[in-house]
Amino acid sequence: MPERARPPDDISPLDFFTSWIPATVAQDDERRRRLGETEAALVFVLWDLEAEGSAYTLEIAAGSVRGFAGRVDEPDLEIEVDERTWRALNRGEISAPEALLQRRLRLKGNLILALKLHVILG
């Protein structure tokens, strides 16, 4: 598998979830194939020490991803992470398992779905 696409370092969370991820998945036949029949709603909550978290939802269906600001009432998986860690994950400086072990990333919901995150996010 080729090296994963990396978003611009200064991308806003809104652009990342609503534009960059959906476009990246749409342009990657292998990623869409690997998503297969997965249907799920993932809510990402980004927080920092100075402000409340912001929520973004990725809806996966029919091999595509749609993103929007806000959250669905009953997500299949909720991912909580601070913005600094989120950016480090995007840059490839830390892996999701490392962030989880360091308690910089929290998961709630379908943990089997969490294993598929690399297919969606790269």
N, C-alpha and C. Protein backbone atom coordinates (compact mmCIF):
# COMPACT_ATOMS: atom_id res chain seq x y z
N MET A 1 0.85 -1.18 0.00
CA MET A 1 0.00 0.00 0.00
C MET A 1 0.90 1.24 0.00
N PRO A 2 0.58 2.23 -0.84
CA PRO A 2 1.42 3.43 -0.88
C PRO A 2 1.35 4.20 0.43
N GLU A 3 2.33 5.10 0.61
CA GLU A 3 2.32 5.92 1.82
C GLU A 3 1.01 6.69 1.89
N ARG A 4 0.50 6.82 3.09
CA ARG A 4 -0.79 7.47 3.25
C ARG A 4 -0.71 8.96 2.96
N ALA A 5 -1.81 9.48 2.47
CA ALA A 5 -1.90 10.92 2.23
C ALA A 5 -1.87 11.64 3.57
N ARG A 6 -1.19 12.75 3.61
CA ARG A 6 -1.12 13.54 4.84
C ARG A 6 -1.72 14.91 4.57
N PRO A 7 -2.59 15.34 5.47
CA PRO A 7 -3.19 16.67 5.29
C PRO A 7 -2.17 17.76 5.53
N PRO A 8 -2.44 18.96 5.02
CA PRO A 8 -1.55 20.08 5.33
C PRO A 8 -1.47 20.27 6.85
N ASP A 9 -0.30 20.64 7.34
CA ASP A 9 -0.09 20.76 8.77
C ASP A 9 -1.00 21.81 9.42
N ASP A 10 -1.35 22.84 8.66
CA ASP A 10 -2.16 23.92 9.21
C ASP A 10 -3.65 23.79 8.90
N ILE A 11 -4.09 22.63 8.44
CA ILE A 11 -5.50 22.45 8.09
C ILE A 11 -6.38 22.62 9.34
N SER A 12 -7.50 23.26 9.15
CA SER A 12 -8.43 23.41 10.28
C SER A 12 -9.17 22.09 10.47
N PRO A 13 -9.58 21.78 11.70
CA PRO A 13 -10.36 20.57 11.91
C PRO A 13 -11.61 20.54 11.02
N LEU A 14 -12.28 21.68 10.86
CA LEU A 14 -13.48 21.73 10.02
C LEU A 14 -13.15 21.30 8.60
N ASP A 15 -12.10 21.85 8.00
CA ASP A 15 -11.73 21.46 6.64
C ASP A 15 -11.29 20.00 6.56
N PHE A 16 -10.59 19.55 7.58
CA PHE A 16 -10.13 18.16 7.59
C PHE A 16 -11.31 17.20 7.54
N PHE A 17 -12.27 17.39 8.42
CA PHE A 17 -13.38 16.44 8.52
C PHE A 17 -14.43 16.63 7.43
N THR A 18 -14.67 17.85 7.00
CA THR A 18 -15.75 18.07 6.02
C THR A 18 -15.29 18.01 4.57
N SER A 19 -14.00 18.25 4.32
CA SER A 19 -13.52 18.27 2.93
C SER A 19 -12.39 17.29 2.68
N TRP A 20 -11.33 17.38 3.49
CA TRP A 20 -10.13 16.63 3.18
C TRP A 20 -10.34 15.12 3.24
N ILE A 21 -10.89 14.62 4.33
CA ILE A 21 -11.12 13.17 4.47
C ILE A 21 -12.07 12.66 3.39
N PRO A 22 -13.26 13.27 3.20
CA PRO A 22 -14.14 12.76 2.14
C PRO A 22 -13.48 12.75 0.76
N ALA A 23 -12.74 13.81 0.42
CA ALA A 23 -12.08 13.88 -0.89
C ALA A 23 -10.97 12.84 -1.01
N THR A 24 -10.21 12.65 0.05
CA THR A 24 -9.11 11.68 0.03
C THR A 24 -9.65 10.26 -0.16
N VAL A 25 -10.72 9.92 0.53
CA VAL A 25 -11.33 8.60 0.38
C VAL A 25 -11.91 8.45 -1.03
N ALA A 26 -12.57 9.49 -1.53
CA ALA A 26 -13.19 9.42 -2.86
C ALA A 26 -12.15 9.19 -3.96
N GLN A 27 -10.93 9.67 -3.76
CA GLN A 27 -9.88 9.55 -4.78
C GLN A 27 -9.05 8.27 -4.64
N ASP A 28 -9.33 7.46 -3.64
CA ASP A 28 -8.51 6.29 -3.36
C ASP A 28 -9.35 5.02 -3.51
N ASP A 29 -9.23 4.38 -4.69
CA ASP A 29 -10.03 3.17 -4.96
C ASP A 29 -9.77 2.06 -3.95
N GLU A 30 -8.51 1.89 -3.54
CA GLU A 30 -8.17 0.84 -2.58
C GLU A 30 -8.83 1.10 -1.23
N ARG A 31 -8.80 2.32 -0.78
CA ARG A 31 -9.41 2.66 0.51
C ARG A 31 -10.93 2.43 0.45
N ARG A 32 -11.55 2.84 -0.66
CA ARG A 32 -13.00 2.63 -0.79
C ARG A 32 -13.32 1.13 -0.82
N ARG A 33 -12.49 0.35 -1.50
CA ARG A 33 -12.70 -1.10 -1.54
C ARG A 33 -12.59 -1.69 -0.14
N ARG A 34 -11.59 -1.24 0.63
CA ARG A 34 -11.38 -1.76 1.98
C ARG A 34 -12.50 -1.35 2.93
N LEU A 35 -13.13 -0.21 2.67
CA LEU A 35 -14.29 0.18 3.49
C LEU A 35 -15.44 -0.78 3.26
N GLY A 36 -15.55 -1.29 2.03
CA GLY A 36 -16.56 -2.29 1.70
C GLY A 36 -17.95 -1.85 2.09
N GLU A 37 -18.61 -2.71 2.82
CA GLU A 37 -20.01 -2.48 3.22
C GLU A 37 -20.12 -1.79 4.58
N THR A 38 -19.03 -1.28 5.10
CA THR A 38 -19.07 -0.62 6.40
C THR A 38 -20.06 0.54 6.39
N GLU A 39 -20.93 0.55 7.36
CA GLU A 39 -21.85 1.66 7.58
C GLU A 39 -21.73 2.06 9.03
N ALA A 40 -21.31 3.30 9.25
CA ALA A 40 -21.07 3.73 10.63
C ALA A 40 -21.03 5.25 10.71
N ALA A 41 -21.27 5.72 11.91
CA ALA A 41 -21.11 7.14 12.23
C ALA A 41 -20.03 7.25 13.29
N LEU A 42 -18.99 8.03 12.98
CA LEU A 42 -17.88 8.24 13.90
C LEU A 42 -17.91 9.70 14.34
N VAL A 43 -17.84 9.92 15.62
CA VAL A 43 -17.80 11.29 16.14
C VAL A 43 -16.42 11.51 16.73
N PHE A 44 -15.78 12.57 16.26
CA PHE A 44 -14.47 12.98 16.77
C PHE A 44 -14.69 14.22 17.62
N VAL A 45 -14.22 14.16 18.85
CA VAL A 45 -14.31 15.31 19.75
C VAL A 45 -12.90 15.79 19.99
N LEU A 46 -12.60 17.00 19.52
CA LEU A 46 -11.29 17.61 19.72
C LEU A 46 -11.41 18.61 20.85
N TRP A 47 -10.52 18.52 21.81
CA TRP A 47 -10.58 19.44 22.92
C TRP A 47 -9.18 19.96 23.22
N ASP A 48 -9.13 21.04 23.95
CA ASP A 48 -7.86 21.53 24.47
C ASP A 48 -8.11 22.02 25.89
N LEU A 49 -7.08 22.51 26.53
CA LEU A 49 -7.22 22.90 27.93
C LEU A 49 -7.96 24.21 28.11
N GLU A 50 -8.04 25.03 27.07
CA GLU A 50 -8.64 26.35 27.20
C GLU A 50 -10.07 26.44 26.71
N ALA A 51 -10.53 25.48 25.97
CA ALA A 51 -11.88 25.59 25.39
C ALA A 51 -12.57 24.24 25.39
N GLU A 52 -13.87 24.27 25.28
CA GLU A 52 -14.62 23.03 25.16
C GLU A 52 -14.30 22.37 23.83
N GLY A 53 -14.49 21.08 23.77
CA GLY A 53 -14.22 20.35 22.55
C GLY A 53 -15.18 20.70 21.44
N SER A 54 -14.72 20.48 20.24
CA SER A 54 -15.54 20.64 19.06
C SER A 54 -15.77 19.25 18.49
N ALA A 55 -16.97 18.99 18.05
CA ALA A 55 -17.32 17.66 17.54
C ALA A 55 -17.49 17.70 16.03
N TYR A 56 -17.03 16.64 15.40
CA TYR A 56 -17.14 16.45 13.96
C TYR A 56 -17.56 15.01 13.72
N THR A 57 -18.45 14.82 12.75
CA THR A 57 -18.95 13.49 12.45
C THR A 57 -18.50 13.07 11.06
N LEU A 58 -18.07 11.81 10.96
CA LEU A 58 -17.83 11.17 9.68
C LEU A 58 -18.86 10.05 9.54
N GLU A 59 -19.65 10.12 8.48
CA GLU A 59 -20.60 9.05 8.18
C GLU A 59 -20.04 8.23 7.04
N ILE A 60 -19.97 6.93 7.25
CA ILE A 60 -19.42 6.01 6.26
C ILE A 60 -20.55 5.15 5.73
N ALA A 61 -20.68 5.09 4.42
CA ALA A 61 -21.69 4.24 3.79
C ALA A 61 -21.32 4.05 2.32
N ALA A 62 -21.56 2.87 1.82
CA ALA A 62 -21.36 2.55 0.39
C ALA A 62 -19.97 2.94 -0.10
N GLY A 63 -18.95 2.72 0.74
CA GLY A 63 -17.59 3.00 0.33
C GLY A 63 -17.22 4.46 0.25
N SER A 64 -18.04 5.33 0.82
CA SER A 64 -17.71 6.75 0.80
C SER A 64 -17.84 7.33 2.20
N VAL A 65 -17.32 8.53 2.36
CA VAL A 65 -17.33 9.20 3.66
C VAL A 65 -17.88 10.60 3.47
N ARG A 66 -18.77 10.99 4.37
CA ARG A 66 -19.31 12.34 4.39
C ARG A 66 -19.01 12.90 5.77
N GLY A 67 -18.51 14.12 5.82
CA GLY A 67 -18.17 14.73 7.10
C GLY A 67 -18.92 16.02 7.32
N PHE A 68 -19.21 16.30 8.58
CA PHE A 68 -19.87 17.56 8.93
C PHE A 68 -19.55 17.93 10.37
N ALA A 69 -19.68 19.23 10.65
CA ALA A 69 -19.48 19.72 12.01
C ALA A 69 -20.68 19.32 12.84
N GLY A 70 -20.44 18.97 14.09
CA GLY A 70 -21.51 18.54 14.98
C GLY A 70 -21.46 17.04 15.18
N ARG A 71 -22.46 16.56 15.88
CA ARG A 71 -22.46 15.15 16.23
C ARG A 71 -23.82 14.53 15.99
N VAL A 72 -23.81 13.22 15.79
CA VAL A 72 -25.06 12.47 15.73
C VAL A 72 -25.37 12.01 17.15
N ASP A 73 -26.63 11.69 17.41
CA ASP A 73 -27.04 11.32 18.76
C ASP A 73 -26.43 10.01 19.25
N GLU A 74 -26.35 9.03 18.37
CA GLU A 74 -25.85 7.72 18.79
C GLU A 74 -24.76 7.24 17.84
N PRO A 75 -23.54 7.75 17.99
CA PRO A 75 -22.46 7.31 17.09
C PRO A 75 -22.07 5.86 17.37
N ASP A 76 -21.56 5.22 16.34
CA ASP A 76 -21.05 3.86 16.52
C ASP A 76 -19.73 3.88 17.28
N LEU A 77 -18.98 4.97 17.10
CA LEU A 77 -17.70 5.12 17.77
C LEU A 77 -17.45 6.60 18.03
N GLU A 78 -17.01 6.91 19.24
CA GLU A 78 -16.63 8.28 19.57
C GLU A 78 -15.15 8.29 19.91
N ILE A 79 -14.43 9.21 19.29
CA ILE A 79 -13.00 9.36 19.48
C ILE A 79 -12.75 10.72 20.10
N GLU A 80 -12.12 10.75 21.27
CA GLU A 80 -11.80 12.02 21.93
C GLU A 80 -10.29 12.18 21.93
N VAL A 81 -9.84 13.37 21.52
CA VAL A 81 -8.41 13.64 21.43
C VAL A 81 -8.20 15.15 21.52
N ASP A 82 -7.07 15.55 22.12
CA ASP A 82 -6.77 16.98 22.14
C ASP A 82 -6.21 17.37 20.78
N GLU A 83 -6.29 18.66 20.45
CA GLU A 83 -5.88 19.11 19.13
C GLU A 83 -4.40 18.86 18.85
N ARG A 84 -3.55 19.03 19.85
CA ARG A 84 -2.12 18.79 19.65
C ARG A 84 -1.85 17.33 19.24
N THR A 85 -2.50 16.40 19.92
CA THR A 85 -2.33 14.98 19.59
C THR A 85 -2.92 14.68 18.22
N TRP A 86 -4.08 15.27 17.91
CA TRP A 86 -4.71 15.08 16.60
C TRP A 86 -3.75 15.50 15.49
N ARG A 87 -3.09 16.64 15.67
CA ARG A 87 -2.13 17.10 14.65
C ARG A 87 -0.92 16.17 14.57
N ALA A 88 -0.44 15.67 15.71
CA ALA A 88 0.68 14.73 15.72
C ALA A 88 0.30 13.43 15.01
N LEU A 89 -0.93 12.99 15.21
CA LEU A 89 -1.42 11.80 14.50
C LEU A 89 -1.43 12.04 13.00
N ASN A 90 -1.92 13.21 12.58
CA ASN A 90 -1.97 13.54 11.16
C ASN A 90 -0.58 13.60 10.53
N ARG A 91 0.40 14.08 11.28
CA ARG A 91 1.77 14.17 10.78
C ARG A 91 2.50 12.83 10.82
N GLY A 92 1.91 11.84 11.49
CA GLY A 92 2.56 10.54 11.62
C GLY A 92 3.61 10.51 12.71
N GLU A 93 3.60 11.49 13.61
CA GLU A 93 4.58 11.55 14.70
C GLU A 93 4.25 10.58 15.82
N ILE A 94 3.00 10.18 15.91
CA ILE A 94 2.54 9.24 16.92
C ILE A 94 1.47 8.36 16.27
N SER A 95 1.41 7.12 16.68
CA SER A 95 0.37 6.23 16.16
C SER A 95 -0.83 6.24 17.09
N ALA A 96 -1.95 5.83 16.58
CA ALA A 96 -3.16 5.78 17.42
C ALA A 96 -2.97 4.85 18.61
N PRO A 97 -2.38 3.65 18.44
CA PRO A 97 -2.16 2.81 19.62
C PRO A 97 -1.27 3.48 20.68
N GLU A 98 -0.24 4.20 20.23
CA GLU A 98 0.61 4.92 21.18
C GLU A 98 -0.20 5.98 21.93
N ALA A 99 -0.98 6.75 21.19
CA ALA A 99 -1.80 7.80 21.80
C ALA A 99 -2.80 7.21 22.78
N LEU A 100 -3.35 6.06 22.44
CA LEU A 100 -4.30 5.38 23.33
C LEU A 100 -3.60 4.94 24.61
N LEU A 101 -2.44 4.33 24.48
CA LEU A 101 -1.70 3.87 25.65
C LEU A 101 -1.24 5.02 26.54
N GLN A 102 -0.98 6.18 25.93
CA GLN A 102 -0.56 7.35 26.69
C GLN A 102 -1.76 8.15 27.20
N ARG A 103 -2.94 7.64 26.98
CA ARG A 103 -4.19 8.28 27.41
C ARG A 103 -4.38 9.67 26.79
N ARG A 104 -3.85 9.82 25.58
CA ARG A 104 -4.04 11.06 24.83
C ARG A 104 -5.18 10.92 23.84
N LEU A 105 -5.72 9.71 23.75
CA LEU A 105 -6.81 9.37 22.84
C LEU A 105 -7.76 8.46 23.60
N ARG A 106 -9.05 8.75 23.52
CA ARG A 106 -10.05 7.91 24.19
C ARG A 106 -11.07 7.44 23.17
N LEU A 107 -11.47 6.19 23.32
CA LEU A 107 -12.46 5.59 22.43
C LEU A 107 -13.66 5.13 23.23
N LYS A 108 -14.84 5.34 22.64
CA LYS A 108 -16.07 4.89 23.29
C LYS A 108 -16.98 4.33 22.20
N GLY A 109 -17.45 3.10 22.39
CA GLY A 109 -18.35 2.51 21.40
C GLY A 109 -17.77 1.24 20.83
N ASN A 110 -18.00 1.04 19.55
CA ASN A 110 -17.60 -0.17 18.83
C ASN A 110 -16.09 -0.18 18.61
N LEU A 111 -15.38 -0.89 19.47
CA LEU A 111 -13.92 -0.89 19.39
C LEU A 111 -13.41 -1.67 18.18
N ILE A 112 -14.20 -2.60 17.67
CA ILE A 112 -13.81 -3.30 16.44
C ILE A 112 -13.77 -2.30 15.30
N LEU A 113 -14.72 -1.37 15.29
CA LEU A 113 -14.73 -0.31 14.29
C LEU A 113 -13.48 0.56 14.42
N ALA A 114 -13.00 0.73 15.62
CA ALA A 114 -11.78 1.53 15.84
C ALA A 114 -10.60 0.94 15.08
N LEU A 115 -10.58 -0.38 14.92
CA LEU A 115 -9.51 -1.02 14.18
C LEU A 115 -9.53 -0.65 12.70
N LYS A 116 -10.69 -0.23 12.20
CA LYS A 116 -10.82 0.16 10.80
C LYS A 116 -10.47 1.62 10.55
N LEU A 117 -10.20 2.37 11.61
CA LEU A 117 -9.93 3.80 11.45
C LEU A 117 -8.80 4.07 10.47
N HIS A 118 -7.78 3.23 10.48
CA HIS A 118 -6.65 3.46 9.57
C HIS A 118 -7.09 3.37 8.12
N VAL A 119 -8.15 2.60 7.82
CA VAL A 119 -8.66 2.52 6.45
C VAL A 119 -9.30 3.85 6.05
N ILE A 120 -9.96 4.49 7.00
CA ILE A 120 -10.64 5.75 6.72
C ILE A 120 -9.65 6.90 6.71
N LEU A 121 -8.87 6.98 7.76
CA LEU A 121 -7.97 8.12 7.95
C LEU A 121 -6.60 7.93 7.31
N GLY A 122 -6.30 6.71 6.96
CA GLY A 122 -5.01 6.49 6.32
C GLY A 122 -4.10 5.71 7.11
